[in-house]
PDB file of N, CA and C in Angstrom:
ATOM      1  N   MET A   1       0.487  -1.143  -0.172  1.00  0.00           N
ATOM      2  CA  MET A   1      -0.010  -0.691   0.027  1.00  0.00           C
ATOM      3  C   MET A   1       0.658   1.333   0.159  1.00  0.00           C
ATOM      4  N   ASN A   2       0.633   2.335  -0.873  1.00  0.00           N
ATOM      5  CA  ASN A   2       1.497   3.536  -0.667  1.00  0.00           C
ATOM      6  C   ASN A   2       0.873   4.387  -0.141  1.00  0.00           C
ATOM      7  N   LEU A   3       1.032   5.492   0.548  1.00  0.00           N
ATOM      8  CA  LEU A   3       0.485   6.463   1.290  1.00  0.00           C
ATOM      9  C   LEU A   3       1.640   7.293   0.984  1.00  0.00           C
ATOM     10  N   PRO A   4       0.735   8.441   1.040  1.00  0.00           N
ATOM     11  CA  PRO A   4       0.661   9.799   0.180  1.00  0.00           C
ATOM     12  C   PRO A   4       2.129  10.413   1.156  1.00  0.00           C
ATOM     13  N   VAL A   5       3.432  10.693   0.837  1.00  0.00           N
ATOM     14  CA  VAL A   5       4.310  11.622   1.497  1.00  0.00           C
ATOM     15  C   VAL A   5       4.028  13.016   1.732  1.00  0.00           C
ATOM     16  N   GLN A   6       3.793  13.156   3.211  1.00  0.00           N
ATOM     17  CA  GLN A   6       3.773  14.704   3.297  1.00  0.00           C
ATOM     18  C   GLN A   6       5.216  15.848   3.400  1.00  0.00           C
ATOM     19  N   ILE A   7       4.933  16.051   2.411  1.00  0.00           N
ATOM     20  CA  ILE A   7       5.462  16.955   2.175  1.00  0.00           C
ATOM     21  C   ILE A   7       5.586  18.638   3.453  1.00  0.00           C
ATOM     22  N   SER A   8       6.231  19.052   3.846  1.00  0.00           N
ATOM     23  CA  SER A   8       6.241  20.367   4.732  1.00  0.00           C
ATOM     24  C   SER A   8       5.661  21.877   3.761  1.00  0.00           C
ATOM     25  N   ASP A   9       5.061  22.832   4.670  1.00  0.00           N
ATOM     26  CA  ASP A   9       4.394  23.652   3.609  1.00  0.00           C
ATOM     27  C   ASP A   9       5.303  24.589   3.257  1.00  0.00           C
ATOM     28  N   GLU A  10       6.906  24.763   3.969  1.00  0.00           N
ATOM     29  CA  GLU A  10       7.989  25.240   3.680  1.00  0.00           C
ATOM     30  C   GLU A  10       8.838  24.806   2.797  1.00  0.00           C
ATOM     31  N   LEU A  11       8.700  23.415   2.396  1.00  0.00           N
ATOM     32  CA  LEU A  11       9.447  23.111   1.217  1.00  0.00           C
ATOM     33  C   LEU A  11       9.084  23.201   0.062  1.00  0.00           C
ATOM     34  N   LEU A  12       7.539  23.619   0.222  1.00  0.00           N
ATOM     35  CA  LEU A  12       6.305  23.483  -0.923  1.00  0.00           C
ATOM     36  C   LEU A  12       6.686  25.359  -1.240  1.00  0.00           C
ATOM     37  N   GLY A  13       7.460  26.237  -0.531  1.00  0.00           N
ATOM     38  CA  GLY A  13       7.355  27.792  -0.926  1.00  0.00           C
ATOM     39  C   GLY A  13       5.911  27.649  -0.322  1.00  0.00           C
ATOM     40  N   LYS A  14       5.055  27.540   0.518  1.00  0.00           N
ATOM     41  CA  LYS A  14       3.859  28.191   0.304  1.00  0.00           C
ATOM     42  C   LYS A  14       3.932  28.864   1.682  1.00  0.00           C
ATOM     43  N   ASN A  15       3.311  30.590   1.623  1.00  0.00           N
ATOM     44  CA  ASN A  15       3.488  31.205   2.904  1.00  0.00           C
ATOM     45  C   ASN A  15       4.483  32.203   2.874  1.00  0.00           C
ATOM     46  N   ALA A  16       5.340  32.301   1.487  1.00  0.00           N
ATOM     47  CA  ALA A  16       6.605  32.474   1.261  1.00  0.00           C
ATOM     48  C   ALA A  16       6.593  33.736   0.483  1.00  0.00           C
ATOM     49  N   GLN A  17       7.664  34.989   1.037  1.00  0.00           N
ATOM     50  CA  GLN A  17       7.496  35.963   0.615  1.00  0.00           C
ATOM     51  C   GLN A  17       7.663  36.079  -0.730  1.00  0.00           C
ATOM     52  N   THR A  18       7.081  37.018  -2.055  1.00  0.00           N
ATOM     53  CA  THR A  18       7.084  36.835  -3.164  1.00  0.00           C
ATOM     54  C   THR A  18       8.023  37.738  -3.282  1.00  0.00           C
ATOM     55  N   VAL A  19       9.173  37.423  -4.327  1.00  0.00           N
ATOM     56  CA  VAL A  19      10.418  37.269  -5.341  1.00  0.00           C
ATOM     57  C   VAL A  19       9.944  38.034  -6.449  1.00  0.00           C
ATOM     58  N   VAL A  20      10.760  39.751  -6.307  1.00  0.00           N
ATOM     59  CA  VAL A  20      10.742  40.336  -8.035  1.00  0.00           C
ATOM     60  C   VAL A  20      12.143  40.522  -7.890  1.00  0.00           C
ATOM     61  N   ARG A  21      12.233  39.858  -9.474  1.00  0.00           N
ATOM     62  CA  ARG A  21      13.906  40.128 -10.296  1.00  0.00           C
ATOM     63  C   ARG A  21      13.917  40.660 -11.674  1.00  0.00           C
ATOM     64  N   ASP A  22      14.524  41.312 -11.796  1.00  0.00           N
ATOM     65  CA  ASP A  22      15.099  42.506 -13.104  1.00  0.00           C
ATOM     66  C   ASP A  22      14.319  40.982 -14.286  1.00  0.00           C
ATOM     67  N   LYS A  23      13.837  41.759 -15.073  1.00  0.00           N
ATOM     68  CA  LYS A  23      13.893  40.904 -16.148  1.00  0.00           C
ATOM     69  C   LYS A  23      15.461  40.958 -17.238  1.00  0.00           C
ATOM     70  N   THR A  24      16.592  41.871 -16.874  1.00  0.00           N
ATOM     71  CA  THR A  24      16.857  41.648 -18.027  1.00  0.00           C
ATOM     72  C   THR A  24      18.622  40.499 -17.709  1.00  0.00           C
ATOM     73  N   THR A  25      18.288  41.226 -16.104  1.00  0.00           N
ATOM     74  CA  THR A  25      19.670  40.368 -15.108  1.00  0.00           C
ATOM     75  C   THR A  25      18.855  39.183 -14.372  1.00  0.00           C
ATOM     76  N   GLY A  26      18.252  39.078 -13.710  1.00  0.00           N
ATOM     77  CA  GLY A  26      17.726  38.201 -12.708  1.00  0.00           C
ATOM     78  C   GLY A  26      17.722  37.944 -11.691  1.00  0.00           C
ATOM     79  N   ARG A  27      18.293  39.731 -11.386  1.00  0.00           N
ATOM     80  CA  ARG A  27      18.594  39.433  -9.692  1.00  0.00           C
ATOM     81  C   ARG A  27      17.564  40.182  -9.205  1.00  0.00           C
ATOM     82  N   ARG A  28      17.166  39.651  -7.829  1.00  0.00           N
ATOM     83  CA  ARG A  28      16.703  40.331  -6.550  1.00  0.00           C
ATOM     84  C   ARG A  28      16.313  42.024  -7.081  1.00  0.00           C
ATOM     85  N   ARG A  29      15.330  42.545  -6.659  1.00  0.00           N
ATOM     86  CA  ARG A  29      14.785  44.045  -6.682  1.00  0.00           C
ATOM     87  C   ARG A  29      14.326  44.290  -5.549  1.00  0.00           C
ATOM     88  N   ASP A  30      15.223  45.685  -4.669  1.00  0.00           N
ATOM     89  CA  ASP A  30      14.888  45.718  -3.685  1.00  0.00           C
ATOM     90  C   ASP A  30      13.674  47.253  -4.001  1.00  0.00           C
ATOM     91  N   LEU A  31      12.432  46.715  -3.782  1.00  0.00           N
ATOM     92  CA  LEU A  31      11.880  47.322  -4.123  1.00  0.00           C
ATOM     93  C   LEU A  31      11.380  48.765  -3.281  1.00  0.00           C
ATOM     94  N   ASP A  32      11.979  48.477  -1.874  1.00  0.00           N
ATOM     95  CA  ASP A  32      11.672  49.241  -0.773  1.00  0.00           C
ATOM     96  C   ASP A  32      12.772  50.520  -1.248  1.00  0.00           C
ATOM     97  N   ALA A  33      13.915  49.777  -1.721  1.00  0.00           N
ATOM     98  CA  ALA A  33      15.346  50.956  -1.954  1.00  0.00           C
ATOM     99  C   ALA A  33      14.452  51.805  -3.197  1.00  0.00           C
ATOM    100  N   GLU A  34      14.029  51.008  -4.017  1.00  0.00           N
ATOM    101  CA  GLU A  34      13.958  51.710  -5.308  1.00  0.00           C
ATOM    102  C   GLU A  34      12.234  52.712  -5.357  1.00  0.00           C
ATOM    103  N   ARG A  35      11.592  52.706  -4.364  1.00  0.00           N
ATOM    104  CA  ARG A  35      10.209  53.916  -3.877  1.00  0.00           C
ATOM    105  C   ARG A  35      11.183  54.577  -3.129  1.00  0.00           C
ATOM    106  N   ALA A  36      12.309  54.285  -2.290  1.00  0.00           N
ATOM    107  CA  ALA A  36      12.880  55.508  -1.836  1.00  0.00           C
ATOM    108  C   ALA A  36      13.494  56.226  -2.574  1.00  0.00           C
ATOM    109  N   ALA A  37      14.321  55.473  -3.479  1.00  0.00           N
ATOM    110  CA  ALA A  37      15.207  56.687  -4.685  1.00  0.00           C
ATOM    111  C   ALA A  37      14.304  57.450  -6.026  1.00  0.00           C
ATOM    112  N   GLN A  38      13.014  56.768  -6.190  1.00  0.00           N
ATOM    113  CA  GLN A  38      11.942  57.230  -7.140  1.00  0.00           C
ATOM    114  C   GLN A  38      11.358  58.649  -6.228  1.00  0.00           C
ATOM    115  N   ALA A  39      11.381  58.400  -4.401  1.00  0.00           N
ATOM    116  CA  ALA A  39      11.164  59.487  -3.686  1.00  0.00           C
ATOM    117  C   ALA A  39      11.978  60.850  -4.084  1.00  0.00           C
ATOM    118  N   GLU A  40      13.028  60.260  -3.256  1.00  0.00           N
ATOM    119  CA  GLU A  40      13.769  61.348  -3.695  1.00  0.00           C
ATOM    120  C   GLU A  40      13.965  62.758  -5.179  1.00  0.00           C
ATOM    121  N   THR A  41      14.176  61.230  -6.144  1.00  0.00           N
ATOM    122  CA  THR A  41      14.336  61.983  -7.190  1.00  0.00           C
ATOM    123  C   THR A  41      12.875  63.014  -7.575  1.00  0.00           C
ATOM    124  N   ASP A  42      12.106  62.777  -7.598  1.00  0.00           N
ATOM    125  CA  ASP A  42      10.349  63.283  -7.600  1.00  0.00           C
ATOM    126  C   ASP A  42      10.436  64.561  -6.151  1.00  0.00           C
ATOM    127  N   ALA A  43      11.180  64.358  -5.338  1.00  0.00           N
ATOM    128  CA  ALA A  43      10.829  65.653  -3.731  1.00  0.00           C
ATOM    129  C   ALA A  43      12.436  66.227  -5.055  1.00  0.00           C
ATOM    130  N   ALA A  44      13.446  66.257  -5.682  1.00  0.00           N
ATOM    131  CA  ALA A  44      14.064  67.458  -6.185  1.00  0.00           C
ATOM    132  C   ALA A  44      13.629  68.130  -7.419  1.00  0.00           C
ATOM    133  N   ILE A  45      13.001  66.954  -8.496  1.00  0.00           N
ATOM    134  CA  ILE A  45      12.855  67.732  -9.528  1.00  0.00           C
ATOM    135  C   ILE A  45      11.168  68.782  -9.037  1.00  0.00           C
ATOM    136  N   ALA A  46      10.423  68.758  -8.583  1.00  0.00           N
ATOM    137  CA  ALA A  46       9.898  69.353  -7.555  1.00  0.00           C
ATOM    138  C   ALA A  46      10.286  70.227  -7.535  1.00  0.00           C
ATOM    139  N   ALA A  47      11.223  70.162  -6.329  1.00  0.00           N
ATOM    140  CA  ALA A  47      11.946  71.932  -6.077  1.00  0.00           C
ATOM    141  C   ALA A  47      12.578  72.228  -7.056  1.00  0.00           C
ATOM    142  N   THR A  48      12.918  71.871  -7.900  1.00  0.00           N
ATOM    143  CA  THR A  48      13.128  73.118  -9.334  1.00  0.00           C
ATOM    144  C   THR A  48      12.186  73.105  -9.990  1.00  0.00           C
ATOM    145  N   THR A  49      11.397  72.860 -10.561  1.00  0.00           N
ATOM    146  CA  THR A  49      10.209  72.761 -11.289  1.00  0.00           C
ATOM    147  C   THR A  49       8.805  74.313 -10.045  1.00  0.00           C
ATOM    148  N   ALA A  50       9.552  74.213  -8.964  1.00  0.00           N
ATOM    149  CA  ALA A  50       8.612  75.279  -8.243  1.00  0.00           C
ATOM    150  C   ALA A  50       9.632  76.868  -8.498  1.00  0.00           C
ATOM    151  N   LYS A  51      11.246  76.461  -8.006  1.00  0.00           N
ATOM    152  CA  LYS A  51      11.926  77.390  -8.744  1.00  0.00           C
ATOM    153  C   LYS A  51      12.291  77.802  -9.916  1.00  0.00           C
ATOM    154  N   TYR A  52      11.826  77.086 -11.692  1.00  0.00           N
ATOM    155  CA  TYR A  52      11.679  77.990 -12.466  1.00  0.00           C
ATOM    156  C   TYR A  52      10.548  79.031 -12.360  1.00  0.00           C
ATOM    157  N   ASP A  53       9.299  77.871 -11.640  1.00  0.00           N
ATOM    158  CA  ASP A  53       8.292  78.882 -12.024  1.00  0.00           C
ATOM    159  C   ASP A  53       8.090  79.937 -10.791  1.00  0.00           C
ATOM    160  N   ALA A  54       8.978  79.972 -10.542  1.00  0.00           N
ATOM    161  CA  ALA A  54       9.111  81.881  -9.620  1.00  0.00           C
ATOM    162  C   ALA A  54      10.094  82.391 -10.456  1.00  0.00           C
ATOM    163  N   TRP A  55      10.986  81.905 -11.366  1.00  0.00           N
ATOM    164  CA  TRP A  55      11.836  82.667 -11.846  1.00  0.00           C
ATOM    165  C   TRP A  55      10.915  83.097 -13.647  1.00  0.00           C
ATOM    166  N   ASN A  56      10.083  82.003 -13.533  1.00  0.00           N
ATOM    167  CA  ASN A  56       8.845  82.183 -15.582  1.00  0.00           C
ATOM    168  C   ASN A  56       8.289  84.093 -14.567  1.00  0.00           C
ATOM    169  N   LYS A  57       7.816  83.645 -13.285  1.00  0.00           N
ATOM    170  CA  LYS A  57       7.422  84.614 -13.764  1.00  0.00           C
ATOM    171  C   LYS A  57       7.606  86.766 -13.256  1.00  0.00           C
ATOM    172  N   GLY A  58       9.168  86.482 -14.115  1.00  0.00           N
ATOM    173  CA  GLY A  58       9.454  87.820 -14.543  1.00  0.00           C
ATOM    174  C   GLY A  58       9.216  89.110 -12.760  1.00  0.00           C
ATOM    175  N   GLN A  59       9.871  88.195 -11.967  1.00  0.00           N
ATOM    176  CA  GLN A  59       9.663  89.477 -10.464  1.00  0.00           C
ATOM    177  C   GLN A  59      10.793  90.109 -10.846  1.00  0.00           C
ATOM    178  N   VAL A  60      12.371  89.566 -10.763  1.00  0.00           N
ATOM    179  CA  VAL A  60      13.507  91.057 -11.130  1.00  0.00           C
ATOM    180  C   VAL A  60      12.910  91.385 -12.752  1.00  0.00           C
ATOM    181  N   SER A  61      12.834  91.245 -13.471  1.00  0.00           N
ATOM    182  CA  SER A  61      12.765  92.374 -14.682  1.00  0.00           C
ATOM    183  C   SER A  61      11.482  93.046 -14.520  1.00  0.00           C
ATOM    184  N   THR A  62      10.625  92.947 -13.559  1.00  0.00           N
ATOM    185  CA  THR A  62       9.140  93.663 -12.889  1.00  0.00           C
ATOM    186  C   THR A  62       9.938  95.214 -12.061  1.00  0.00           C
ATOM    187  N   LEU A  63      10.483  94.443 -11.391  1.00  0.00           N
ATOM    188  CA  LEU A  63      10.987  95.289 -10.268  1.00  0.00           C
ATOM    189  C   LEU A  63      11.923  95.914 -10.419  1.00  0.00           C
ATOM    190  N   PHE A  64      13.391  95.910 -11.889  1.00  0.00           N
ATOM    191  CA  PHE A  64      14.246  96.984 -11.943  1.00  0.00           C
ATOM    192  C   PHE A  64      13.234  97.289 -12.803  1.00  0.00           C
ATOM    193  N   MET A  65      12.096  96.898 -13.458  1.00  0.00           N
ATOM    194  CA  MET A  65      11.813  98.202 -14.417  1.00  0.00           C
ATOM    195  C   MET A  65      10.720  99.323 -13.630  1.00  0.00           C
ATOM    196  N   LEU A  66      10.299  99.064 -12.072  1.00  0.00           N
ATOM    197  CA  LEU A  66       9.516  99.905 -11.471  1.00  0.00           C
ATOM    198  C   LEU A  66      10.901 100.876 -10.878  1.00  0.00           C
ATOM    199  N   PHE A  67      11.995 100.434 -10.612  1.00  0.00           N
ATOM    200  CA  PHE A  67      12.987 100.596  -9.928  1.00  0.00           C
ATOM    201  C   PHE A  67      13.479 101.978 -11.197  1.00  0.00           C
ATOM    202  N   MET A  68      13.693 101.938 -12.239  1.00  0.00           N
ATOM    203  CA  MET A  68      14.051 102.510 -13.727  1.00  0.00           C
ATOM    204  C   MET A  68      12.641 103.727 -13.295  1.00  0.00           C
ATOM    205  N   PHE A  69      11.605 102.844 -13.626  1.00  0.00           N
ATOM    206  CA  PHE A  69      10.256 104.315 -13.455  1.00  0.00           C
ATOM    207  C   PHE A  69      10.651 105.653 -12.377  1.00  0.00           C
ATOM    208  N   LEU A  70      11.137 104.965 -11.263  1.00  0.00           N
ATOM    209  CA  LEU A  70      10.875 106.082 -10.309  1.00  0.00           C
ATOM    210  C   LEU A  70      11.905 106.977 -10.342  1.00  0.00           C
ATOM    211  N   TRP A  71      13.508 106.613 -11.107  1.00  0.00           N
ATOM    212  CA  TRP A  71      14.699 106.735 -10.866  1.00  0.00           C
ATOM    213  C   TRP A  71      14.164 108.398 -11.955  1.00  0.00           C
TER     214      TRP A  71
END
């Protein structure tokens, strides 16, 4: 009589964490580190955009023209 062999869930990989791999290299990806790097990049882009938005308003040229008018 052949009885089925009991294999533990650990050996089968049940309840294991999902492994995400890079498509080109096959290495494991650290998603938390990637998210942190992307958030840092987004913050730098937002700061640069805010700076250029202030420059594009022409505040310096407007003050210069006002000064020249009052001169």
